Amino acid sequence: MQDWLTPAWKVVSDGCHLNRATEQLVSRAGFEIIRRNDEVDGLLVELHAAKGAPAGDDAGPAPS
């Protein structure tokens, strides 16, 4: 259903894609999902995220 609605939805909602894997894209961009709020049985999802260190970057702070 999301694939079917997305073309019209993008027009009326400033380019929003209903069928985009937003949570995965946010995580891949290096953000940590801190909180997820689902509303209307998961139809609306609010993500709270914070930028963390890039994956695999455990070197700690740079020497001064």
Protein backbone atom coordinates (compact mmCIF):
# COMPACT_ATOMS: atom_id res chain seq x y z
CA MET A 1 0.00 0.00 0.00
CA GLN A 2 2.87 2.40 0.80
CA ASP A 3 4.36 1.93 -2.68
CA TRP A 4 0.97 2.64 -4.24
CA LEU A 5 0.36 5.82 -2.16
CA THR A 6 3.88 7.30 -2.29
CA PRO A 7 3.66 9.16 -5.66
CA ALA A 8 0.58 11.13 -4.58
CA TRP A 9 1.81 11.50 -1.00
CA LYS A 10 5.09 13.09 -2.18
CA VAL A 11 3.11 15.80 -3.98
CA VAL A 12 0.97 16.76 -0.98
CA SER A 13 3.64 16.33 1.71
CA ASP A 14 6.69 18.16 0.34
CA GLY A 15 8.48 15.09 -1.02
CA CYS A 16 7.90 12.69 1.89
CA HIS A 17 8.31 9.02 0.91
CA LEU A 18 6.05 6.56 2.72
CA ASN A 19 8.08 3.58 1.50
CA ARG A 20 11.54 4.76 2.56
CA ALA A 21 13.42 2.70 5.19
CA THR A 22 14.07 5.81 7.29
CA GLU A 23 15.25 4.08 10.46
CA GLN A 24 17.86 2.05 8.54
CA LEU A 25 19.03 5.12 6.62
CA VAL A 26 19.42 7.13 9.84
CA SER A 27 21.46 4.32 11.44
CA ARG A 28 23.66 3.88 8.36
CA ALA A 29 24.40 7.61 8.41
CA GLY A 30 26.05 7.16 11.82
CA PHE A 31 23.18 8.18 14.07
CA GLU A 32 22.08 6.20 17.08
CA ILE A 33 18.33 5.79 17.51
CA ILE A 34 17.69 6.93 21.07
CA ARG A 35 13.92 6.64 21.10
CA ARG A 36 11.19 5.52 18.72
CA ASN A 37 7.55 6.53 19.19
CA ASP A 38 4.87 4.69 17.19
CA GLU A 39 1.48 6.32 16.77
CA VAL A 40 -1.70 5.12 15.05
CA ASP A 41 -0.63 1.46 15.19
CA GLY A 42 2.76 2.23 13.63
CA LEU A 43 1.41 4.37 10.79
CA LEU A 44 3.26 7.39 12.16
CA VAL A 45 6.75 6.92 13.59
CA GLU A 46 8.81 9.55 15.38
CA LEU A 47 12.55 8.90 15.72
CA HIS A 48 14.88 10.61 18.16
CA ALA A 49 18.52 10.16 17.17
CA ALA A 50 21.94 11.46 18.12
CA LYS A 51 25.12 11.55 16.11
CA GLY A 52 27.71 9.16 17.48
CA ALA A 53 31.17 8.10 16.44
CA PRO A 54 31.32 6.46 13.00
CA ALA A 55 31.06 2.67 13.13
CA GLY A 56 34.43 1.12 13.95
CA ASP A 57 35.89 4.37 15.29
CA ASP A 58 36.99 3.39 18.79
CA ALA A 59 40.28 5.28 18.83
CA GLY A 60 38.98 7.75 21.41
CA PRO A 61 39.74 11.46 21.51
CA ALA A 62 42.60 12.89 19.46
CA PRO A 63 45.80 13.55 21.43
CA SER A 64 46.44 17.17 22.36
